[in-house]
Each structure stands twice: as structure tokens, then as C-alpha cells.
Amino acid sequence: MKIFLCCAAGMSTSMLVTKMEQAAVAQNVECEISAHSVAEFEDCITVCDVCLVAPQVRFKFDDFKREAEALGKACGLIDMMNYGMLKGDAVLAQAIELYQSR
């Protein structure tokens, strides 16, 4: 499963990516996780399975979700508390749930 987190510049989510990777190792979940800016969405959604949109760019969520679903991909909005508290396990669980329900 390939997951990408979409934020304003692709940098603020890098800490969350690290926490998610740690959670994936602990749970023995095989996945690739990366962070990218909103400008990279079009390129990333074609090669990834799940897009998680950061709270600071939630205004783009409806457009991203529509595009993702048209390609058979999953897209979700990261909970603000999980994002702010860097709860990698919770965000990983969200990604897995989205992946399985698409």
C-alpha cells in the first residue's frame, strides 16, 4: 500500500510520516508513506493508493477526493487532533481503513 500525505508544502507532515512509519513497523504493516505539497497531488495520486489531506489544506479536500475516487483511489482528511499530536498509529489506521473500503 502506498500512502501519501498532502499538505501545504510537503514539509510539515514529515514528522507525521516518521511516526506512521514507526507504527507500521510495530504493527508489521507493509506500506510506503510520503509527504507532498498540494501542487504535487495530480502526480502522486496516480501512483499511490491512499491520499490523506492535512488539516491546513482541507479546503482542497472535496476536489482531491473527487479526483481520487475517479481513479479508484482512496482519499481522507486527517483529524486535526491526530495531526497536531503526531498520532502516527491513528493516522495509519485511518489510511488502512480507507484502503480496505475503496
N, C-alpha and C. Protein backbone atom coordinates (compact mmCIF):
# COMPACT_ATOMS: atom_id res chain seq x y z
N MET A 1 0.85 -1.17 0.00
CA MET A 1 0.00 0.00 0.00
C MET A 1 0.90 1.23 0.00
N LYS A 2 0.59 2.17 -0.89
CA LYS A 2 1.32 3.43 -0.95
C LYS A 2 0.41 4.55 -0.46
N ILE A 3 0.91 5.27 0.54
CA ILE A 3 0.15 6.34 1.18
C ILE A 3 0.90 7.64 0.98
N PHE A 4 0.18 8.70 0.62
CA PHE A 4 0.84 10.00 0.65
C PHE A 4 0.00 10.99 1.42
N LEU A 5 0.70 11.80 2.19
CA LEU A 5 0.08 12.86 2.96
C LEU A 5 0.25 14.15 2.17
N CYS A 6 -0.82 14.86 2.01
CA CYS A 6 -0.82 16.08 1.21
C CYS A 6 -0.98 17.29 2.12
N CYS A 7 0.01 18.19 2.08
CA CYS A 7 -0.07 19.39 2.92
C CYS A 7 0.35 20.61 2.09
N ALA A 8 0.49 21.74 2.75
CA ALA A 8 0.78 22.99 2.04
C ALA A 8 2.10 22.93 1.29
N ALA A 9 3.16 22.48 1.94
CA ALA A 9 4.47 22.47 1.29
C ALA A 9 5.13 21.09 1.29
N GLY A 10 4.51 20.11 1.92
CA GLY A 10 5.10 18.78 1.98
C GLY A 10 6.12 18.62 3.08
N MET A 11 6.28 19.62 3.91
CA MET A 11 7.29 19.55 4.96
C MET A 11 6.69 19.35 6.34
N SER A 12 5.59 20.00 6.62
CA SER A 12 5.02 19.90 7.97
C SER A 12 4.56 18.49 8.30
N THR A 13 4.28 17.72 7.31
CA THR A 13 3.82 16.35 7.55
C THR A 13 4.96 15.35 7.69
N SER A 14 6.18 15.77 7.47
CA SER A 14 7.30 14.82 7.50
C SER A 14 7.46 14.15 8.87
N MET A 15 7.17 14.89 9.94
CA MET A 15 7.25 14.29 11.28
C MET A 15 6.16 13.23 11.45
N LEU A 16 4.98 13.52 10.91
CA LEU A 16 3.88 12.55 11.00
C LEU A 16 4.20 11.31 10.17
N VAL A 17 4.83 11.49 9.02
CA VAL A 17 5.25 10.35 8.20
C VAL A 17 6.16 9.43 9.01
N THR A 18 7.12 10.02 9.73
CA THR A 18 8.04 9.23 10.56
C THR A 18 7.28 8.43 11.61
N LYS A 19 6.32 9.07 12.27
CA LYS A 19 5.52 8.38 13.29
C LYS A 19 4.68 7.27 12.68
N MET A 20 4.15 7.51 11.49
CA MET A 20 3.36 6.49 10.80
C MET A 20 4.24 5.31 10.41
N GLU A 21 5.44 5.59 9.94
CA GLU A 21 6.37 4.52 9.57
C GLU A 21 6.73 3.67 10.79
N GLN A 22 6.93 4.32 11.93
CA GLN A 22 7.23 3.59 13.16
C GLN A 22 6.05 2.70 13.55
N ALA A 23 4.84 3.23 13.42
CA ALA A 23 3.64 2.45 13.74
C ALA A 23 3.50 1.28 12.78
N ALA A 24 3.81 1.49 11.51
CA ALA A 24 3.71 0.42 10.51
C ALA A 24 4.68 -0.72 10.83
N VAL A 25 5.89 -0.38 11.23
CA VAL A 25 6.88 -1.40 11.61
C VAL A 25 6.39 -2.17 12.83
N ALA A 26 5.90 -1.44 13.83
CA ALA A 26 5.42 -2.07 15.06
C ALA A 26 4.23 -3.01 14.81
N GLN A 27 3.40 -2.65 13.82
CA GLN A 27 2.20 -3.45 13.51
C GLN A 27 2.44 -4.44 12.37
N ASN A 28 3.66 -4.46 11.86
CA ASN A 28 4.02 -5.33 10.74
C ASN A 28 3.14 -5.07 9.51
N VAL A 29 2.93 -3.79 9.23
CA VAL A 29 2.15 -3.37 8.06
C VAL A 29 3.12 -2.94 6.97
N GLU A 30 2.99 -3.56 5.82
CA GLU A 30 3.87 -3.23 4.70
C GLU A 30 3.28 -2.07 3.92
N CYS A 31 3.98 -0.94 3.92
CA CYS A 31 3.50 0.23 3.20
C CYS A 31 4.63 1.21 2.93
N GLU A 32 4.39 2.11 1.99
CA GLU A 32 5.28 3.22 1.71
C GLU A 32 4.51 4.48 2.03
N ILE A 33 5.14 5.39 2.78
CA ILE A 33 4.47 6.62 3.20
C ILE A 33 5.34 7.80 2.82
N SER A 34 4.73 8.81 2.23
CA SER A 34 5.49 10.01 1.85
C SER A 34 4.62 11.25 2.03
N ALA A 35 5.27 12.40 2.04
CA ALA A 35 4.58 13.68 2.18
C ALA A 35 4.87 14.53 0.95
N HIS A 36 3.82 15.19 0.45
CA HIS A 36 3.95 16.02 -0.74
C HIS A 36 3.08 17.26 -0.61
N SER A 37 3.41 18.27 -1.39
CA SER A 37 2.62 19.50 -1.38
C SER A 37 1.37 19.33 -2.23
N VAL A 38 0.41 20.24 -2.06
CA VAL A 38 -0.82 20.19 -2.84
C VAL A 38 -0.52 20.29 -4.34
N ALA A 39 0.55 20.97 -4.69
CA ALA A 39 0.93 21.12 -6.10
C ALA A 39 1.31 19.79 -6.73
N GLU A 40 1.67 18.81 -5.91
CA GLU A 40 2.09 17.50 -6.41
C GLU A 40 0.98 16.46 -6.40
N PHE A 41 -0.22 16.86 -6.01
CA PHE A 41 -1.33 15.91 -5.88
C PHE A 41 -1.56 15.10 -7.15
N GLU A 42 -1.68 15.77 -8.28
CA GLU A 42 -2.00 15.09 -9.54
C GLU A 42 -1.01 13.97 -9.86
N ASP A 43 0.28 14.24 -9.65
CA ASP A 43 1.30 13.24 -9.92
C ASP A 43 1.23 12.09 -8.91
N CYS A 44 1.04 12.44 -7.65
CA CYS A 44 1.08 11.43 -6.58
C CYS A 44 -0.12 10.50 -6.58
N ILE A 45 -1.30 11.02 -6.88
CA ILE A 45 -2.50 10.19 -6.77
C ILE A 45 -2.50 9.07 -7.81
N THR A 46 -1.79 9.26 -8.90
CA THR A 46 -1.75 8.21 -9.92
C THR A 46 -0.90 7.01 -9.50
N VAL A 47 0.06 7.22 -8.61
CA VAL A 47 0.96 6.13 -8.20
C VAL A 47 0.73 5.65 -6.77
N CYS A 48 -0.14 6.32 -6.03
CA CYS A 48 -0.41 5.95 -4.64
C CYS A 48 -1.82 5.36 -4.52
N ASP A 49 -2.04 4.65 -3.42
CA ASP A 49 -3.34 4.04 -3.17
C ASP A 49 -4.23 4.90 -2.30
N VAL A 50 -3.61 5.64 -1.38
CA VAL A 50 -4.36 6.44 -0.41
C VAL A 50 -3.74 7.83 -0.29
N CYS A 51 -4.59 8.84 -0.31
CA CYS A 51 -4.16 10.22 -0.05
C CYS A 51 -4.82 10.67 1.25
N LEU A 52 -4.02 11.19 2.16
CA LEU A 52 -4.55 11.78 3.38
C LEU A 52 -4.22 13.27 3.35
N VAL A 53 -5.25 14.09 3.47
CA VAL A 53 -5.11 15.53 3.35
C VAL A 53 -4.95 16.15 4.74
N ALA A 54 -3.92 16.97 4.88
CA ALA A 54 -3.64 17.63 6.16
C ALA A 54 -4.69 18.70 6.45
N PRO A 55 -4.95 18.96 7.73
CA PRO A 55 -5.98 19.92 8.11
C PRO A 55 -5.80 21.32 7.52
N GLN A 56 -4.56 21.77 7.37
CA GLN A 56 -4.34 23.13 6.89
C GLN A 56 -4.69 23.32 5.41
N VAL A 57 -4.90 22.23 4.69
CA VAL A 57 -5.32 22.34 3.29
C VAL A 57 -6.66 21.64 3.06
N ARG A 58 -7.47 21.57 4.10
CA ARG A 58 -8.76 20.89 3.99
C ARG A 58 -9.69 21.54 2.96
N PHE A 59 -9.43 22.80 2.62
CA PHE A 59 -10.24 23.48 1.60
C PHE A 59 -10.11 22.81 0.23
N LYS A 60 -9.07 22.01 0.04
CA LYS A 60 -8.86 21.29 -1.22
C LYS A 60 -9.44 19.87 -1.18
N PHE A 61 -9.89 19.45 0.00
CA PHE A 61 -10.28 18.05 0.20
C PHE A 61 -11.36 17.58 -0.78
N ASP A 62 -12.43 18.33 -0.96
CA ASP A 62 -13.52 17.87 -1.83
C ASP A 62 -13.03 17.63 -3.26
N ASP A 63 -12.21 18.54 -3.76
CA ASP A 63 -11.66 18.38 -5.12
C ASP A 63 -10.76 17.16 -5.19
N PHE A 64 -9.89 17.00 -4.19
CA PHE A 64 -8.96 15.87 -4.17
C PHE A 64 -9.72 14.54 -4.06
N LYS A 65 -10.72 14.51 -3.22
CA LYS A 65 -11.50 13.28 -3.03
C LYS A 65 -12.18 12.88 -4.34
N ARG A 66 -12.76 13.86 -5.01
CA ARG A 66 -13.43 13.60 -6.29
C ARG A 66 -12.45 13.02 -7.32
N GLU A 67 -11.28 13.64 -7.43
CA GLU A 67 -10.27 13.17 -8.38
C GLU A 67 -9.77 11.77 -8.02
N ALA A 68 -9.53 11.55 -6.73
CA ALA A 68 -9.03 10.25 -6.27
C ALA A 68 -10.04 9.15 -6.56
N GLU A 69 -11.29 9.39 -6.23
CA GLU A 69 -12.33 8.38 -6.43
C GLU A 69 -12.52 8.06 -7.91
N ALA A 70 -12.35 9.06 -8.77
CA ALA A 70 -12.46 8.84 -10.22
C ALA A 70 -11.38 7.87 -10.71
N LEU A 71 -10.26 7.83 -9.98
CA LEU A 71 -9.16 6.93 -10.33
C LEU A 71 -9.19 5.62 -9.53
N GLY A 72 -10.23 5.45 -8.70
CA GLY A 72 -10.32 4.25 -7.87
C GLY A 72 -9.39 4.28 -6.67
N LYS A 73 -9.01 5.48 -6.26
CA LYS A 73 -8.10 5.64 -5.12
C LYS A 73 -8.90 6.16 -3.92
N ALA A 74 -8.32 6.02 -2.74
CA ALA A 74 -8.97 6.49 -1.51
C ALA A 74 -8.40 7.83 -1.09
N CYS A 75 -9.24 8.66 -0.49
CA CYS A 75 -8.80 9.98 -0.02
C CYS A 75 -9.55 10.32 1.26
N GLY A 76 -8.81 10.78 2.26
CA GLY A 76 -9.42 11.14 3.53
C GLY A 76 -8.79 12.38 4.11
N LEU A 77 -9.48 12.97 5.05
CA LEU A 77 -9.00 14.17 5.74
C LEU A 77 -8.44 13.75 7.10
N ILE A 78 -7.21 14.13 7.38
CA ILE A 78 -6.58 13.77 8.65
C ILE A 78 -7.23 14.55 9.78
N ASP A 79 -7.62 13.86 10.83
CA ASP A 79 -8.19 14.51 12.01
C ASP A 79 -7.19 15.51 12.58
N MET A 80 -7.68 16.70 12.90
CA MET A 80 -6.81 17.78 13.37
C MET A 80 -6.05 17.40 14.65
N MET A 81 -6.71 16.71 15.57
CA MET A 81 -6.04 16.31 16.81
C MET A 81 -4.96 15.26 16.54
N ASN A 82 -5.27 14.29 15.71
CA ASN A 82 -4.28 13.27 15.37
C ASN A 82 -3.09 13.88 14.66
N TYR A 83 -3.36 14.86 13.82
CA TYR A 83 -2.29 15.55 13.09
C TYR A 83 -1.41 16.34 14.07
N GLY A 84 -2.05 17.15 14.88
CA GLY A 84 -1.32 18.01 15.82
C GLY A 84 -0.56 17.25 16.88
N MET A 85 -1.10 16.12 17.31
CA MET A 85 -0.45 15.31 18.35
C MET A 85 0.49 14.26 17.75
N LEU A 86 0.64 14.28 16.43
CA LEU A 86 1.51 13.33 15.71
C LEU A 86 1.18 11.88 16.06
N LYS A 87 -0.10 11.56 16.04
CA LYS A 87 -0.54 10.20 16.36
C LYS A 87 -0.45 9.33 15.10
N GLY A 88 0.77 8.88 14.84
CA GLY A 88 1.03 8.09 13.65
C GLY A 88 0.22 6.82 13.57
N ASP A 89 -0.01 6.18 14.73
CA ASP A 89 -0.78 4.94 14.73
C ASP A 89 -2.22 5.17 14.31
N ALA A 90 -2.82 6.27 14.78
CA ALA A 90 -4.20 6.58 14.43
C ALA A 90 -4.34 6.96 12.96
N VAL A 91 -3.39 7.72 12.45
CA VAL A 91 -3.44 8.14 11.05
C VAL A 91 -3.18 6.94 10.14
N LEU A 92 -2.28 6.06 10.54
CA LEU A 92 -2.04 4.83 9.78
C LEU A 92 -3.31 3.98 9.76
N ALA A 93 -3.98 3.86 10.88
CA ALA A 93 -5.23 3.09 10.95
C ALA A 93 -6.27 3.68 10.00
N GLN A 94 -6.33 5.01 9.93
CA GLN A 94 -7.25 5.67 9.01
C GLN A 94 -6.91 5.31 7.56
N ALA A 95 -5.63 5.34 7.23
CA ALA A 95 -5.20 5.01 5.87
C ALA A 95 -5.56 3.57 5.51
N ILE A 96 -5.33 2.66 6.45
CA ILE A 96 -5.65 1.24 6.21
C ILE A 96 -7.15 1.07 5.99
N GLU A 97 -7.94 1.72 6.83
CA GLU A 97 -9.40 1.63 6.70
C GLU A 97 -9.86 2.17 5.34
N LEU A 98 -9.31 3.30 4.93
CA LEU A 98 -9.67 3.88 3.63
C LEU A 98 -9.27 2.93 2.50
N TYR A 99 -8.09 2.36 2.59
CA TYR A 99 -7.59 1.44 1.57
C TYR A 99 -8.50 0.23 1.43
N GLN A 100 -8.92 -0.31 2.55
CA GLN A 100 -9.76 -1.51 2.54
C GLN A 100 -11.19 -1.23 2.08
N SER A 101 -11.64 0.01 2.23
CA SER A 101 -13.03 0.32 1.89
C SER A 101 -13.21 0.89 0.49
N ARG A 102 -12.13 1.06 -0.24
CA ARG A 102 -12.26 1.67 -1.58
C ARG A 102 -12.80 0.71 -2.60
